[in-house]
């Protein structure tokens, strides 16, 4: 019995894509302001949020 996975991205809808884009924009803003303020807290939170965005279930 074979088990296969199709590497296609499922259609999660417009709201899901908006959520990804907003989270990505937030990460970029945190990185920019973290660098300007030399804030390790902002940079750490940007890394945490980036990981969250990258691990959204797209299948």
C-alpha atoms as a PDB file:
ATOM      1  CA  UNK A   1       0.000   0.000   0.000  1.00  0.00           C
ATOM      2  CA  UNK A   2       1.627   3.232  -1.124  1.00  0.00           C
ATOM      3  CA  UNK A   3       1.229   6.499   0.701  1.00  0.00           C
ATOM      4  CA  UNK A   4       1.951   9.689  -1.205  1.00  0.00           C
ATOM      5  CA  UNK A   5       1.865  13.388  -0.442  1.00  0.00           C
ATOM      6  CA  UNK A   6       1.052  16.017  -3.011  1.00  0.00           C
ATOM      7  CA  UNK A   7       3.269  19.085  -2.499  1.00  0.00           C
ATOM      8  CA  UNK A   8       0.550  21.498  -3.573  1.00  0.00           C
ATOM      9  CA  UNK A   9      -0.611  24.460  -1.534  1.00  0.00           C
ATOM     10  CA  UNK A  10      -4.242  24.206  -0.531  1.00  0.00           C
ATOM     11  CA  UNK A  11      -6.626  27.087  -1.061  1.00  0.00           C
ATOM     12  CA  UNK A  12      -6.980  28.618   2.400  1.00  0.00           C
ATOM     13  CA  UNK A  13      -8.692  31.697   1.101  1.00  0.00           C
ATOM     14  CA  UNK A  14      -8.140  35.383   1.055  1.00  0.00           C
ATOM     15  CA  UNK A  15      -8.216  35.863   4.843  1.00  0.00           C
ATOM     16  CA  UNK A  16      -5.348  33.401   5.342  1.00  0.00           C
ATOM     17  CA  UNK A  17      -3.181  35.188   2.772  1.00  0.00           C
ATOM     18  CA  UNK A  18      -3.973  38.575   4.341  1.00  0.00           C
ATOM     19  CA  UNK A  19      -2.921  37.178   7.716  1.00  0.00           C
ATOM     20  CA  UNK A  20       0.391  35.981   6.306  1.00  0.00           C
ATOM     21  CA  UNK A  21       1.047  39.342   4.643  1.00  0.00           C
ATOM     22  CA  UNK A  22       0.172  41.340   7.779  1.00  0.00           C
ATOM     23  CA  UNK A  23       2.379  39.147   9.959  1.00  0.00           C
ATOM     24  CA  UNK A  24       5.236  39.461   7.477  1.00  0.00           C
ATOM     25  CA  UNK A  25       4.866  43.260   7.440  1.00  0.00           C
ATOM     26  CA  UNK A  26       4.927  43.257  11.255  1.00  0.00           C
ATOM     27  CA  UNK A  27       8.148  41.211  11.248  1.00  0.00           C
ATOM     28  CA  UNK A  28       9.781  43.631   8.807  1.00  0.00           C
ATOM     29  CA  UNK A  29       8.716  46.621  10.930  1.00  0.00           C
ATOM     30  CA  UNK A  30      10.080  44.979  14.088  1.00  0.00           C
ATOM     31  CA  UNK A  31      13.406  44.290  12.396  1.00  0.00           C
ATOM     32  CA  UNK A  32      13.697  47.877  11.140  1.00  0.00           C
ATOM     33  CA  UNK A  33      12.806  49.462  14.474  1.00  0.00           C
ATOM     34  CA  UNK A  34      14.822  46.881  16.383  1.00  0.00           C
ATOM     35  CA  UNK A  35      17.904  47.873  14.408  1.00  0.00           C
ATOM     36  CA  UNK A  36      17.207  51.599  14.803  1.00  0.00           C
ATOM     37  CA  UNK A  37      16.636  51.292  18.555  1.00  0.00           C
ATOM     38  CA  UNK A  38      19.331  48.623  18.986  1.00  0.00           C
ATOM     39  CA  UNK A  39      16.715  46.604  20.831  1.00  0.00           C
ATOM     40  CA  UNK A  40      17.441  42.932  21.309  1.00  0.00           C
ATOM     41  CA  UNK A  41      13.873  42.457  22.570  1.00  0.00           C
ATOM     42  CA  UNK A  42      12.394  43.686  19.285  1.00  0.00           C
ATOM     43  CA  UNK A  43      14.836  41.591  17.285  1.00  0.00           C
ATOM     44  CA  UNK A  44      14.018  38.498  19.339  1.00  0.00           C
ATOM     45  CA  UNK A  45      10.298  39.065  18.905  1.00  0.00           C
ATOM     46  CA  UNK A  46      10.812  39.568  15.161  1.00  0.00           C
ATOM     47  CA  UNK A  47      12.583  36.213  15.016  1.00  0.00           C
ATOM     48  CA  UNK A  48       9.789  34.557  16.968  1.00  0.00           C
ATOM     49  CA  UNK A  49       7.104  36.040  14.715  1.00  0.00           C
ATOM     50  CA  UNK A  50       9.068  35.136  11.585  1.00  0.00           C
ATOM     51  CA  UNK A  51       9.181  31.515  12.760  1.00  0.00           C
ATOM     52  CA  UNK A  52       5.419  31.622  13.284  1.00  0.00           C
ATOM     53  CA  UNK A  53       4.836  32.945   9.766  1.00  0.00           C
ATOM     54  CA  UNK A  54       7.174  30.364   8.237  1.00  0.00           C
ATOM     55  CA  UNK A  55       5.437  27.489   9.990  1.00  0.00           C
ATOM     56  CA  UNK A  56       1.872  28.280   8.937  1.00  0.00           C
ATOM     57  CA  UNK A  57       0.350  25.082   7.623  1.00  0.00           C
ATOM     58  CA  UNK A  58       0.059  25.582   3.878  1.00  0.00           C
ATOM     59  CA  UNK A  59      -1.113  22.098   2.964  1.00  0.00           C
END
